[in-house]
Amino acid sequence: MADQPQTMPAVVNRAGGPVDNPDSLVDALVPAPAAPTGHDLLVEVRAVSVNPVDVKVRASGNRARKDRILGWDASGVVLAAGPETNLFRVGEEVYYAGSLDRPGSNASRQLVDERIVGSKPTSLSHVEAAALPLTGITAWEALFDKLRLTTESTGTLLVLGAAGGVGSILIQLTKVLTGVKVIAAASRPESRAWAEQLGADVVVDHSDPDLARRILDAAPGGVDYVFSAHSRGRIPLFAEVLRPFGQIVAIDDERDLDFYALKDKSISWHWEFMFTRPRHSWDLTAQHDLLDRIAELVDDGRIRTTLTRTLAPLDATRLREAHRIVETGHTIGKVVVAAEE
């Protein structure tokens, strides 16, 4: 590439820790990616979204004090393609979540393996599309790889964290691709309204002291499935509201959970971690395929973007604001930062 720059603007995580630490997110000029090799694409980043993983990595600190580019959601345009690529051409619009083990999307350019990249929904802007990859992959794998739901599946799914990024797309996928009833757990009026708009059949208040009774009123005999973004202190609830041989899929990072309490009902527990495929180079193209399927559903008008707030441009100030919003734990849908105003 004759016009390939030597440096590029990026926002780097320098010191980590609290978001108010001026070195936690810093505007910088960094070396630009080299020409793509192998299965890599070089992408011009047009928009990114901020997820809890961004907050966790930033807050965990950076003991090495080595600048790191965070960001695990992007929409952009292919600038160049490696010699082993066969899924995309230069100029095509793409969206993806990337890999934890490579520089992230909070930069003007990024190298990413084409096998974990999808074609951007044509009906969406880059800002709207950037809200979908990480949460879409997580929701899809939770429903169809872990719970093994199909178009023929019935029963009831309880969604904890229903108004968050993953819950927002998971509700939609469940309603358009399965016959499963959705009970969404949300407490604030705006969160409840959002879950209803996305298709939840029943919405319950997760702060209700009689939450178990509310769930069982909606699903006599117990729910068949639980999706949990918030598992701390919830094992007794799961044991009470799940039917025998029910299943749970969780995405949070709780380490000390009493799984033995689930044995009496033979309840299964699944972990979902959408970075497993890129981290272990396992069936990578499956991630490309599911992103393309989600794009088709969007373009067919069957599901919608979960974007609720946009900031611009892509710099440390806006990313810091986005981190603050996500860090509250009360975000509805997704926060996206556009490359340009």
C-alpha atoms as a PDB file:
ATOM      1  CA  MET A   1       0.000   0.000   0.000  1.00  0.00           C
ATOM      2  CA  ALA A   2       1.806   3.100  -1.216  1.00  0.00           C
ATOM      3  CA  ASP A   3      -0.273   5.468   0.882  1.00  0.00           C
ATOM      4  CA  GLN A   4      -0.005   3.457   4.080  1.00  0.00           C
ATOM      5  CA  PRO A   5       0.787   5.851   6.959  1.00  0.00           C
ATOM      6  CA  GLN A   6       3.575   5.176   9.421  1.00  0.00           C
ATOM      7  CA  THR A   7       1.511   6.343  12.398  1.00  0.00           C
ATOM      8  CA  MET A   8      -2.182   6.676  13.239  1.00  0.00           C
ATOM      9  CA  PRO A   9      -4.321   8.289  15.951  1.00  0.00           C
ATOM     10  CA  ALA A  10      -5.581   5.968  18.670  1.00  0.00           C
ATOM     11  CA  VAL A  11      -6.816   6.023  22.240  1.00  0.00           C
ATOM     12  CA  VAL A  12      -4.544   3.935  24.469  1.00  0.00           C
ATOM     13  CA  ASN A  13      -4.920   2.444  27.921  1.00  0.00           C
ATOM     14  CA  ARG A  14      -1.695   3.576  29.564  1.00  0.00           C
ATOM     15  CA  ALA A  15      -2.097   3.186  33.324  1.00  0.00           C
ATOM     16  CA  GLY A  16      -5.471   1.540  33.766  1.00  0.00           C
ATOM     17  CA  GLY A  17      -7.405   1.919  36.977  1.00  0.00           C
ATOM     18  CA  PRO A  18     -10.233   4.429  37.554  1.00  0.00           C
ATOM     19  CA  VAL A  19     -11.616   6.153  34.489  1.00  0.00           C
ATOM     20  CA  ASP A  20     -10.799   9.548  36.028  1.00  0.00           C
ATOM     21  CA  ASN A  21      -7.105   8.683  36.039  1.00  0.00           C
ATOM     22  CA  PRO A  22      -5.801  10.855  33.159  1.00  0.00           C
ATOM     23  CA  ASP A  23      -3.532   7.997  32.029  1.00  0.00           C
ATOM     24  CA  SER A  24      -6.313   5.415  31.888  1.00  0.00           C
ATOM     25  CA  LEU A  25      -7.398   6.507  28.398  1.00  0.00           C
ATOM     26  CA  VAL A  26      -5.013   8.736  26.437  1.00  0.00           C
ATOM     27  CA  ASP A  27      -5.020  10.206  22.928  1.00  0.00           C
ATOM     28  CA  ALA A  28      -1.829   9.087  21.159  1.00  0.00           C
ATOM     29  CA  LEU A  29      -0.099   8.638  17.836  1.00  0.00           C
ATOM     30  CA  VAL A  30       0.896   4.982  17.526  1.00  0.00           C
ATOM     31  CA  PRO A  31       2.554   2.887  14.817  1.00  0.00           C
ATOM     32  CA  ALA A  32       0.050   2.105  12.075  1.00  0.00           C
ATOM     33  CA  PRO A  33      -0.658  -1.576  11.326  1.00  0.00           C
ATOM     34  CA  ALA A  34       1.534  -3.211   8.732  1.00  0.00           C
ATOM     35  CA  ALA A  35       0.087  -4.494   5.459  1.00  0.00           C
ATOM     36  CA  PRO A  36      -2.195  -7.444   6.215  1.00  0.00           C
ATOM     37  CA  THR A  37      -0.864 -10.989   5.922  1.00  0.00           C
ATOM     38  CA  GLY A  38      -2.565 -14.379   6.010  1.00  0.00           C
ATOM     39  CA  HIS A  39      -6.305 -14.150   6.752  1.00  0.00           C
ATOM     40  CA  ASP A  40      -6.099 -10.560   8.046  1.00  0.00           C
ATOM     41  CA  LEU A  41      -8.045  -7.554   6.843  1.00  0.00           C
ATOM     42  CA  LEU A  42      -6.903  -3.984   7.370  1.00  0.00           C
ATOM     43  CA  VAL A  43     -10.017  -2.020   8.344  1.00  0.00           C
ATOM     44  CA  GLU A  44     -10.617   1.706   8.555  1.00  0.00           C
ATOM     45  CA  VAL A  45     -12.642   2.046  11.761  1.00  0.00           C
ATOM     46  CA  ARG A  46     -15.738   4.228  11.422  1.00  0.00           C
ATOM     47  CA  ALA A  47     -17.440   3.545  14.784  1.00  0.00           C
ATOM     48  CA  VAL A  48     -16.897   1.517  17.955  1.00  0.00           C
ATOM     49  CA  SER A  49     -19.048   0.572  20.901  1.00  0.00           C
ATOM     50  CA  VAL A  50     -18.047   0.215  24.542  1.00  0.00           C
ATOM     51  CA  ASN A  51     -18.781  -2.992  26.448  1.00  0.00           C
ATOM     52  CA  PRO A  52     -18.287  -4.149  30.039  1.00  0.00           C
ATOM     53  CA  VAL A  53     -15.115  -5.939  28.892  1.00  0.00           C
ATOM     54  CA  ASP A  54     -13.582  -2.545  28.016  1.00  0.00           C
ATOM     55  CA  VAL A  55     -14.358  -1.287  31.501  1.00  0.00           C
ATOM     56  CA  LYS A  56     -13.004  -4.423  33.183  1.00  0.00           C
ATOM     57  CA  VAL A  57      -9.731  -4.421  31.245  1.00  0.00           C
ATOM     58  CA  ARG A  58      -9.177  -0.704  31.828  1.00  0.00           C
ATOM     59  CA  ALA A  59     -10.080  -0.874  35.529  1.00  0.00           C
ATOM     60  CA  SER A  60      -7.850  -3.892  36.169  1.00  0.00           C
ATOM     61  CA  GLY A  61      -4.797  -1.708  35.764  1.00  0.00           C
ATOM     62  CA  ASN A  62      -1.766  -1.835  33.481  1.00  0.00           C
ATOM     63  CA  ARG A  63       1.217  -2.914  35.547  1.00  0.00           C
ATOM     64  CA  ALA A  64       3.498  -3.106  32.532  1.00  0.00           C
ATOM     65  CA  ARG A  65       2.704   0.551  31.726  1.00  0.00           C
ATOM     66  CA  LYS A  66       2.707  -0.481  28.074  1.00  0.00           C
ATOM     67  CA  ASP A  67       0.210   1.370  25.912  1.00  0.00           C
ATOM     68  CA  ARG A  68      -2.662  -0.903  24.888  1.00  0.00           C
ATOM     69  CA  ILE A  69      -5.455  -0.178  22.425  1.00  0.00           C
ATOM     70  CA  LEU A  70      -8.753  -1.379  23.839  1.00  0.00           C
ATOM     71  CA  GLY A  71     -12.019  -1.777  21.962  1.00  0.00           C
ATOM     72  CA  TRP A  72     -13.948  -4.905  21.012  1.00  0.00           C
ATOM     73  CA  ASP A  73     -16.698  -3.774  18.669  1.00  0.00           C
ATOM     74  CA  ALA A  74     -16.264  -1.976  15.380  1.00  0.00           C
ATOM     75  CA  SER A  75     -17.809  -1.146  12.049  1.00  0.00           C
ATOM     76  CA  GLY A  76     -15.681   0.033   9.165  1.00  0.00           C
ATOM     77  CA  VAL A  77     -14.386  -0.374   5.622  1.00  0.00           C
ATOM     78  CA  VAL A  78     -11.805  -2.857   4.300  1.00  0.00           C
ATOM     79  CA  LEU A  79      -8.660  -1.029   3.141  1.00  0.00           C
ATOM     80  CA  ALA A  80      -6.539  -4.069   2.293  1.00  0.00           C
ATOM     81  CA  ALA A  81      -6.728  -7.862   2.497  1.00  0.00           C
ATOM     82  CA  GLY A  82      -4.100 -10.518   3.193  1.00  0.00           C
ATOM     83  CA  PRO A  83      -3.141 -13.111   0.574  1.00  0.00           C
ATOM     84  CA  GLU A  84      -5.125 -15.932   2.206  1.00  0.00           C
ATOM     85  CA  THR A  85      -8.405 -14.003   2.464  1.00  0.00           C
ATOM     86  CA  ASN A  86     -11.429 -15.052   0.426  1.00  0.00           C
ATOM     87  CA  LEU A  87     -14.442 -13.600   2.239  1.00  0.00           C
ATOM     88  CA  PHE A  88     -14.026  -9.853   1.638  1.00  0.00           C
ATOM     89  CA  ARG A  89     -12.688  -7.396  -0.898  1.00  0.00           C
ATOM     90  CA  VAL A  90     -11.243  -3.910  -0.540  1.00  0.00           C
ATOM     91  CA  GLY A  91     -13.994  -1.324  -0.125  1.00  0.00           C
ATOM     92  CA  GLU A  92     -16.524  -3.624   1.540  1.00  0.00           C
ATOM     93  CA  GLU A  93     -18.203  -2.567   4.779  1.00  0.00           C
ATOM     94  CA  VAL A  94     -17.724  -4.908   7.727  1.00  0.00           C
ATOM     95  CA  TYR A  95     -18.485  -5.248  11.423  1.00  0.00           C
ATOM     96  CA  TYR A  96     -16.817  -7.407  14.084  1.00  0.00           C
ATOM     97  CA  ALA A  97     -15.766  -7.767  17.729  1.00  0.00           C
ATOM     98  CA  GLY A  98     -12.132  -8.757  17.234  1.00  0.00           C
ATOM     99  CA  SER A  99      -9.870 -10.589  19.664  1.00  0.00           C
ATOM    100  CA  LEU A 100      -8.669  -9.939  23.208  1.00  0.00           C
ATOM    101  CA  ASP A 101      -5.150 -10.925  22.192  1.00  0.00           C
ATOM    102  CA  ARG A 102      -4.655  -8.253  19.497  1.00  0.00           C
ATOM    103  CA  PRO A 103      -4.767  -4.437  19.411  1.00  0.00           C
ATOM    104  CA  GLY A 104      -8.373  -3.257  19.665  1.00  0.00           C
ATOM    105  CA  SER A 105     -10.666  -1.029  17.671  1.00  0.00           C
ATOM    106  CA  ASN A 106     -10.131   2.309  19.461  1.00  0.00           C
ATOM    107  CA  ALA A 107      -7.922   3.499  16.601  1.00  0.00           C
ATOM    108  CA  SER A 108      -8.301   4.725  13.051  1.00  0.00           C
ATOM    109  CA  ARG A 109      -7.126   1.387  11.612  1.00  0.00           C
ATOM    110  CA  GLN A 110      -7.137  -2.213  12.801  1.00  0.00           C
ATOM    111  CA  LEU A 111      -5.988  -5.623  11.635  1.00  0.00           C
ATOM    112  CA  VAL A 112      -8.546  -8.384  12.182  1.00  0.00           C
ATOM    113  CA  ASP A 113      -8.892 -11.982  11.001  1.00  0.00           C
ATOM    114  CA  GLU A 114     -11.578 -12.077   8.302  1.00  0.00           C
ATOM    115  CA  ARG A 115     -12.968 -15.334   9.710  1.00  0.00           C
ATOM    116  CA  ILE A 116     -14.406 -13.480  12.724  1.00  0.00           C
ATOM    117  CA  VAL A 117     -15.727 -10.583  10.628  1.00  0.00           C
ATOM    118  CA  GLY A 118     -19.221 -10.158   9.170  1.00  0.00           C
ATOM    119  CA  SER A 119     -20.634  -8.070   6.345  1.00  0.00           C
ATOM    120  CA  LYS A 120     -22.147  -4.935   7.867  1.00  0.00           C
ATOM    121  CA  PRO A 121     -25.964  -4.811   7.621  1.00  0.00           C
ATOM    122  CA  THR A 122     -26.611  -2.688   4.540  1.00  0.00           C
ATOM    123  CA  SER A 123     -29.623  -1.023   6.146  1.00  0.00           C
ATOM    124  CA  LEU A 124     -27.581   0.336   9.062  1.00  0.00           C
ATOM    125  CA  SER A 125     -25.072   3.139   9.396  1.00  0.00           C
ATOM    126  CA  HIS A 126     -21.653   2.318  10.833  1.00  0.00           C
ATOM    127  CA  VAL A 127     -22.782   3.797  14.146  1.00  0.00           C
ATOM    128  CA  GLU A 128     -25.869   1.584  14.274  1.00  0.00           C
ATOM    129  CA  ALA A 129     -23.910  -1.499  13.193  1.00  0.00           C
ATOM    130  CA  ALA A 130     -21.115  -1.031  15.750  1.00  0.00           C
ATOM    131  CA  ALA A 131     -23.621  -1.695  18.542  1.00  0.00           C
ATOM    132  CA  LEU A 132     -24.169  -5.294  17.451  1.00  0.00           C
ATOM    133  CA  PRO A 133     -21.108  -7.557  17.012  1.00  0.00           C
ATOM    134  CA  LEU A 134     -19.935  -8.496  20.520  1.00  0.00           C
ATOM    135  CA  THR A 135     -23.401  -8.710  22.006  1.00  0.00           C
ATOM    136  CA  GLY A 136     -24.803 -10.417  18.924  1.00  0.00           C
ATOM    137  CA  ILE A 137     -22.094 -13.095  19.009  1.00  0.00           C
ATOM    138  CA  THR A 138     -22.605 -13.601  22.748  1.00  0.00           C
ATOM    139  CA  ALA A 139     -26.368 -13.903  22.458  1.00  0.00           C
ATOM    140  CA  TRP A 140     -26.206 -16.195  19.429  1.00  0.00           C
ATOM    141  CA  GLU A 141     -23.698 -18.573  21.023  1.00  0.00           C
ATOM    142  CA  ALA A 142     -25.665 -18.587  24.301  1.00  0.00           C
ATOM    143  CA  LEU A 143     -28.933 -19.487  22.604  1.00  0.00           C
ATOM    144  CA  PHE A 144     -27.863 -21.764  19.782  1.00  0.00           C
ATOM    145  CA  ASP A 145     -24.478 -23.227  20.773  1.00  0.00           C
ATOM    146  CA  LYS A 146     -25.069 -23.628  24.520  1.00  0.00           C
ATOM    147  CA  LEU A 147     -28.835 -23.985  25.037  1.00  0.00           C
ATOM    148  CA  ARG A 148     -29.170 -25.627  21.610  1.00  0.00           C
ATOM    149  CA  LEU A 149     -32.398 -23.819  20.800  1.00  0.00           C
ATOM    150  CA  THR A 150     -33.931 -24.260  17.352  1.00  0.00           C
ATOM    151  CA  THR A 151     -36.941 -22.993  15.431  1.00  0.00           C
ATOM    152  CA  GLU A 152     -38.872 -25.898  16.981  1.00  0.00           C
ATOM    153  CA  SER A 153     -37.933 -25.041  20.578  1.00  0.00           C
ATOM    154  CA  THR A 154     -40.657 -24.056  23.041  1.00  0.00           C
ATOM    155  CA  GLY A 155     -40.747 -23.435  26.782  1.00  0.00           C
ATOM    156  CA  THR A 156     -39.763 -20.341  28.737  1.00  0.00           C
ATOM    157  CA  LEU A 157     -36.513 -18.368  28.997  1.00  0.00           C
ATOM    158  CA  LEU A 158     -35.788 -16.028  31.916  1.00  0.00           C
ATOM    159  CA  VAL A 159     -33.434 -13.193  30.909  1.00  0.00           C
ATOM    160  CA  LEU A 160     -31.532 -11.433  33.702  1.00  0.00           C
ATOM    161  CA  GLY A 161     -29.953  -8.193  32.523  1.00  0.00           C
ATOM    162  CA  ALA A 162     -32.662  -7.881  29.879  1.00  0.00           C
ATOM    163  CA  ALA A 163     -32.105  -4.199  29.046  1.00  0.00           C
ATOM    164  CA  GLY A 164     -28.321  -4.488  28.714  1.00  0.00           C
ATOM    165  CA  GLY A 165     -26.418  -4.935  25.488  1.00  0.00           C
ATOM    166  CA  VAL A 166     -26.565  -8.740  25.352  1.00  0.00           C
ATOM    167  CA  GLY A 167     -30.073  -9.015  26.769  1.00  0.00           C
ATOM    168  CA  SER A 168     -31.350  -6.530  24.200  1.00  0.00           C
ATOM    169  CA  ILE A 169     -30.272  -8.640  21.235  1.00  0.00           C
ATOM    170  CA  LEU A 170     -30.902 -11.984  22.944  1.00  0.00           C
ATOM    171  CA  ILE A 171     -34.593 -11.164  23.473  1.00  0.00           C
ATOM    172  CA  GLN A 172     -34.950 -10.346  19.785  1.00  0.00           C
ATOM    173  CA  LEU A 173     -33.153 -13.460  18.552  1.00  0.00           C
ATOM    174  CA  THR A 174     -35.216 -15.675  20.825  1.00  0.00           C
ATOM    175  CA  LYS A 175     -38.506 -14.228  19.591  1.00  0.00           C
ATOM    176  CA  VAL A 176     -37.712 -14.315  15.852  1.00  0.00           C
ATOM    177  CA  LEU A 177     -35.850 -17.645  15.666  1.00  0.00           C
ATOM    178  CA  THR A 178     -37.526 -19.872  18.282  1.00  0.00           C
ATOM    179  CA  GLY A 179     -40.914 -20.553  19.809  1.00  0.00           C
ATOM    180  CA  VAL A 180     -39.660 -19.815  23.312  1.00  0.00           C
ATOM    181  CA  LYS A 181     -41.511 -17.412  25.632  1.00  0.00           C
ATOM    182  CA  VAL A 182     -39.325 -14.687  27.175  1.00  0.00           C
ATOM    183  CA  ILE A 183     -39.594 -13.424  30.745  1.00  0.00           C
ATOM    184  CA  ALA A 184     -37.372 -10.348  31.014  1.00  0.00           C
ATOM    185  CA  ALA A 185     -36.062  -9.086  34.356  1.00  0.00           C
ATOM    186  CA  ALA A 186     -35.687  -5.304  34.575  1.00  0.00           C
ATOM    187  CA  SER A 187     -36.380  -2.850  37.378  1.00  0.00           C
ATOM    188  CA  ARG A 188     -36.516   0.754  36.144  1.00  0.00           C
ATOM    189  CA  PRO A 189     -39.549   1.899  34.133  1.00  0.00           C
ATOM    190  CA  GLU A 190     -37.396   2.782  31.127  1.00  0.00           C
ATOM    191  CA  SER A 191     -35.682  -0.622  31.242  1.00  0.00           C
ATOM    192  CA  ARG A 192     -39.010  -2.411  31.444  1.00  0.00           C
ATOM    193  CA  ALA A 193     -40.385  -0.418  28.515  1.00  0.00           C
ATOM    194  CA  TRP A 194     -37.260  -1.189  26.455  1.00  0.00           C
ATOM    195  CA  ALA A 195     -37.571  -4.951  27.089  1.00  0.00           C
ATOM    196  CA  GLU A 196     -41.232  -4.855  26.085  1.00  0.00           C
ATOM    197  CA  GLN A 197     -40.403  -2.977  22.878  1.00  0.00           C
ATOM    198  CA  LEU A 198     -37.887  -5.675  21.967  1.00  0.00           C
ATOM    199  CA  GLY A 199     -40.509  -8.396  22.258  1.00  0.00           C
ATOM    200  CA  ALA A 200     -40.393  -9.761  25.809  1.00  0.00           C
ATOM    201  CA  ASP A 201     -43.632 -11.580  26.631  1.00  0.00           C
ATOM    202  CA  VAL A 202     -43.496 -10.772  30.346  1.00  0.00           C
ATOM    203  CA  VAL A 203     -41.380  -8.259  32.267  1.00  0.00           C
ATOM    204  CA  VAL A 204     -40.689  -8.703  35.976  1.00  0.00           C
ATOM    205  CA  ASP A 205     -38.893  -6.438  38.433  1.00  0.00           C
ATOM    206  CA  HIS A 206     -35.629  -8.116  39.431  1.00  0.00           C
ATOM    207  CA  SER A 207     -35.537  -6.040  42.635  1.00  0.00           C
ATOM    208  CA  ASP A 208     -38.932  -7.363  43.747  1.00  0.00           C
ATOM    209  CA  PRO A 209     -38.517  -9.285  47.043  1.00  0.00           C
ATOM    210  CA  ASP A 210     -41.075 -11.765  45.712  1.00  0.00           C
ATOM    211  CA  LEU A 211     -39.292 -12.186  42.363  1.00  0.00           C
ATOM    212  CA  ALA A 212     -39.480 -15.992  42.403  1.00  0.00           C
ATOM    213  CA  ARG A 213     -43.259 -15.908  42.787  1.00  0.00           C
ATOM    214  CA  ARG A 214     -43.598 -13.393  39.943  1.00  0.00           C
ATOM    215  CA  ILE A 215     -41.539 -15.666  37.669  1.00  0.00           C
ATOM    216  CA  LEU A 216     -43.467 -18.799  38.625  1.00  0.00           C
ATOM    217  CA  ASP A 217     -46.769 -16.988  38.085  1.00  0.00           C
ATOM    218  CA  ALA A 218     -45.633 -16.406  34.508  1.00  0.00           C
ATOM    219  CA  ALA A 219     -44.188 -19.925  34.117  1.00  0.00           C
ATOM    220  CA  PRO A 220     -46.115 -22.423  36.252  1.00  0.00           C
ATOM    221  CA  GLY A 221     -43.942 -25.477  36.786  1.00  0.00           C
ATOM    222  CA  GLY A 222     -40.760 -23.454  36.305  1.00  0.00           C
ATOM    223  CA  VAL A 223     -38.776 -21.912  33.481  1.00  0.00           C
ATOM    224  CA  ASP A 224     -36.839 -24.099  31.080  1.00  0.00           C
ATOM    225  CA  TYR A 225     -33.872 -21.782  30.560  1.00  0.00           C
ATOM    226  CA  VAL A 226     -32.108 -18.889  32.271  1.00  0.00           C
ATOM    227  CA  PHE A 227     -29.759 -16.369  30.693  1.00  0.00           C
ATOM    228  CA  SER A 228     -27.752 -14.615  33.401  1.00  0.00           C
ATOM    229  CA  ALA A 229     -25.636 -11.493  33.108  1.00  0.00           C
ATOM    230  CA  HIS A 230     -25.782 -11.125  36.922  1.00  0.00           C
ATOM    231  CA  SER A 231     -25.329 -14.398  38.819  1.00  0.00           C
ATOM    232  CA  ARG A 232     -24.068 -13.187  42.200  1.00  0.00           C
ATOM    233  CA  GLY A 233     -26.494 -14.276  44.916  1.00  0.00           C
ATOM    234  CA  ARG A 234     -28.886 -15.726  42.321  1.00  0.00           C
ATOM    235  CA  ILE A 235     -28.244 -19.471  42.700  1.00  0.00           C
ATOM    236  CA  PRO A 236     -31.111 -19.938  45.213  1.00  0.00           C
ATOM    237  CA  LEU A 237     -33.423 -18.116  42.785  1.00  0.00           C
ATOM    238  CA  PHE A 238     -32.301 -20.324  39.895  1.00  0.00           C
ATOM    239  CA  ALA A 239     -32.824 -23.476  41.952  1.00  0.00           C
ATOM    240  CA  GLU A 240     -36.333 -22.329  42.833  1.00  0.00           C
ATOM    241  CA  VAL A 241     -37.627 -21.118  39.470  1.00  0.00           C
ATOM    242  CA  LEU A 242     -36.029 -23.623  37.071  1.00  0.00           C
ATOM    243  CA  ARG A 243     -37.828 -26.856  36.306  1.00  0.00           C
ATOM    244  CA  PRO A 244     -35.960 -30.172  36.723  1.00  0.00           C
ATOM    245  CA  PHE A 245     -33.316 -30.615  34.003  1.00  0.00           C
ATOM    246  CA  GLY A 246     -33.447 -26.889  33.223  1.00  0.00           C
ATOM    247  CA  GLN A 247     -30.439 -25.028  31.855  1.00  0.00           C
ATOM    248  CA  ILE A 248     -28.552 -21.840  32.709  1.00  0.00           C
ATOM    249  CA  VAL A 249     -26.133 -19.925  30.478  1.00  0.00           C
ATOM    250  CA  ALA A 250     -24.101 -17.160  32.146  1.00  0.00           C
ATOM    251  CA  ILE A 251     -21.732 -14.486  30.854  1.00  0.00           C
ATOM    252  CA  ASP A 252     -20.524 -12.792  34.045  1.00  0.00           C
ATOM    253  CA  ASP A 253     -17.303 -13.416  35.979  1.00  0.00           C
ATOM    254  CA  GLU A 254     -18.544 -14.736  39.320  1.00  0.00           C
ATOM    255  CA  ARG A 255     -16.070 -17.292  40.677  1.00  0.00           C
ATOM    256  CA  ASP A 256     -17.624 -18.480  43.956  1.00  0.00           C
ATOM    257  CA  LEU A 257     -21.006 -19.904  42.982  1.00  0.00           C
ATOM    258  CA  ASP A 258     -22.711 -22.790  44.774  1.00  0.00           C
ATOM    259  CA  PHE A 259     -23.299 -25.069  41.807  1.00  0.00           C
ATOM    260  CA  TYR A 260     -24.049 -27.984  44.133  1.00  0.00           C
ATOM    261  CA  ALA A 261     -27.343 -26.302  44.998  1.00  0.00           C
ATOM    262  CA  LEU A 262     -28.441 -27.039  41.414  1.00  0.00           C
ATOM    263  CA  LYS A 263     -27.793 -30.789  41.595  1.00  0.00           C
ATOM    264  CA  ASP A 264     -31.120 -31.808  43.135  1.00  0.00           C
ATOM    265  CA  LYS A 265     -32.950 -30.698  39.982  1.00  0.00           C
ATOM    266  CA  SER A 266     -30.135 -31.798  37.626  1.00  0.00           C
ATOM    267  CA  ILE A 267     -29.826 -28.219  36.384  1.00  0.00           C
ATOM    268  CA  SER A 268     -27.074 -27.644  33.814  1.00  0.00           C
ATOM    269  CA  TRP A 269     -24.740 -24.623  33.828  1.00  0.00           C
ATOM    270  CA  HIS A 270     -23.073 -23.256  30.686  1.00  0.00           C
ATOM    271  CA  TRP A 271     -20.453 -20.521  30.437  1.00  0.00           C
ATOM    272  CA  GLU A 272     -20.544 -18.242  27.400  1.00  0.00           C
ATOM    273  CA  PHE A 273     -17.440 -16.259  26.426  1.00  0.00           C
ATOM    274  CA  MET A 274     -17.511 -14.882  22.906  1.00  0.00           C
ATOM    275  CA  PHE A 275     -13.709 -14.528  22.749  1.00  0.00           C
ATOM    276  CA  THR A 276     -13.232 -18.296  23.048  1.00  0.00           C
ATOM    277  CA  ARG A 277     -13.141 -18.869  19.280  1.00  0.00           C
ATOM    278  CA  PRO A 278     -10.496 -16.238  18.427  1.00  0.00           C
ATOM    279  CA  ARG A 279      -8.468 -16.933  21.563  1.00  0.00           C
ATOM    280  CA  HIS A 280      -8.213 -20.657  20.823  1.00  0.00           C
ATOM    281  CA  SER A 281      -8.493 -20.523  17.005  1.00  0.00           C
ATOM    282  CA  TRP A 282     -11.538 -22.776  17.238  1.00  0.00           C
ATOM    283  CA  ASP A 283     -13.971 -22.953  14.303  1.00  0.00           C
ATOM    284  CA  LEU A 284     -13.343 -19.293  13.503  1.00  0.00           C
ATOM    285  CA  THR A 285     -15.562 -19.123  10.432  1.00  0.00           C
ATOM    286  CA  ALA A 286     -18.596 -19.927  12.591  1.00  0.00           C
ATOM    287  CA  GLN A 287     -18.287 -16.403  13.984  1.00  0.00           C
ATOM    288  CA  HIS A 288     -18.256 -14.934  10.481  1.00  0.00           C
ATOM    289  CA  ASP A 289     -21.317 -16.991   9.581  1.00  0.00           C
ATOM    290  CA  LEU A 290     -23.358 -15.925  12.596  1.00  0.00           C
ATOM    291  CA  LEU A 291     -22.519 -12.248  12.086  1.00  0.00           C
ATOM    292  CA  ASP A 292     -23.687 -12.547   8.489  1.00  0.00           C
ATOM    293  CA  ARG A 293     -26.883 -14.220   9.700  1.00  0.00           C
ATOM    294  CA  ILE A 294     -27.532 -11.402  12.166  1.00  0.00           C
ATOM    295  CA  ALA A 295     -26.953  -8.865   9.372  1.00  0.00           C
ATOM    296  CA  GLU A 296     -29.544 -10.675   7.245  1.00  0.00           C
ATOM    297  CA  LEU A 297     -32.068 -10.555  10.088  1.00  0.00           C
ATOM    298  CA  VAL A 298     -31.448  -6.822  10.479  1.00  0.00           C
ATOM    299  CA  ASP A 299     -31.769  -6.136   6.764  1.00  0.00           C
ATOM    300  CA  ASP A 300     -34.970  -8.217   6.648  1.00  0.00           C
ATOM    301  CA  GLY A 301     -36.435  -6.010   9.390  1.00  0.00           C
ATOM    302  CA  ARG A 302     -36.737  -8.880  11.865  1.00  0.00           C
ATOM    303  CA  ILE A 303     -34.350  -7.485  14.487  1.00  0.00           C
ATOM    304  CA  ARG A 304     -33.031  -3.981  15.118  1.00  0.00           C
ATOM    305  CA  THR A 305     -29.911  -2.259  16.331  1.00  0.00           C
ATOM    306  CA  THR A 306     -29.595  -1.848  20.093  1.00  0.00           C
ATOM    307  CA  LEU A 307     -27.926   1.569  19.806  1.00  0.00           C
ATOM    308  CA  THR A 308     -29.311   4.047  22.350  1.00  0.00           C
ATOM    309  CA  ARG A 309     -26.595   6.708  22.601  1.00  0.00           C
ATOM    310  CA  THR A 310     -23.952   8.094  20.244  1.00  0.00           C
ATOM    311  CA  LEU A 311     -20.839  10.122  21.075  1.00  0.00           C
ATOM    312  CA  ALA A 312     -18.311  11.654  18.675  1.00  0.00           C
ATOM    313  CA  PRO A 313     -15.529  11.927  17.695  1.00  0.00           C
ATOM    314  CA  LEU A 314     -13.442   8.884  18.621  1.00  0.00           C
ATOM    315  CA  ASP A 315     -11.070  10.325  21.189  1.00  0.00           C
ATOM    316  CA  ALA A 316     -10.130   9.853  24.841  1.00  0.00           C
ATOM    317  CA  THR A 317     -12.732  12.343  26.084  1.00  0.00           C
ATOM    318  CA  ARG A 318     -15.650  10.562  24.416  1.00  0.00           C
ATOM    319  CA  LEU A 319     -14.399   7.098  25.255  1.00  0.00           C
ATOM    320  CA  ARG A 320     -13.960   8.165  28.870  1.00  0.00           C
ATOM    321  CA  GLU A 321     -17.576   9.334  28.891  1.00  0.00           C
ATOM    322  CA  ALA A 322     -18.729   6.061  27.339  1.00  0.00           C
ATOM    323  CA  HIS A 323     -16.772   4.092  29.961  1.00  0.00           C
ATOM    324  CA  ARG A 324     -18.444   6.082  32.730  1.00  0.00           C
ATOM    325  CA  ILE A 325     -21.888   5.319  31.309  1.00  0.00           C
ATOM    326  CA  VAL A 326     -21.223   1.585  30.940  1.00  0.00           C
ATOM    327  CA  GLU A 327     -19.534   1.424  34.352  1.00  0.00           C
ATOM    328  CA  THR A 328     -22.775   2.401  36.101  1.00  0.00           C
ATOM    329  CA  GLY A 329     -24.234  -0.994  35.221  1.00  0.00           C
ATOM    330  CA  HIS A 330     -27.537   0.668  34.308  1.00  0.00           C
ATOM    331  CA  THR A 331     -27.014   1.132  30.586  1.00  0.00           C
ATOM    332  CA  ILE A 332     -29.968   0.452  28.309  1.00  0.00           C
ATOM    333  CA  GLY A 333     -28.837  -0.972  24.976  1.00  0.00           C
ATOM    334  CA  LYS A 334     -25.455   0.160  23.665  1.00  0.00           C
ATOM    335  CA  VAL A 335     -23.272   3.285  23.673  1.00  0.00           C
ATOM    336  CA  VAL A 336     -21.384   3.907  20.409  1.00  0.00           C
ATOM    337  CA  VAL A 337     -18.553   6.327  19.636  1.00  0.00           C
ATOM    338  CA  ALA A 338     -18.348   7.487  16.025  1.00  0.00           C
ATOM    339  CA  ALA A 339     -14.989   8.214  14.413  1.00  0.00           C
ATOM    340  CA  GLU A 340     -16.199  11.601  13.158  1.00  0.00           C
ATOM    341  CA  GLU A 341     -18.827  14.099  14.286  1.00  0.00           C
END
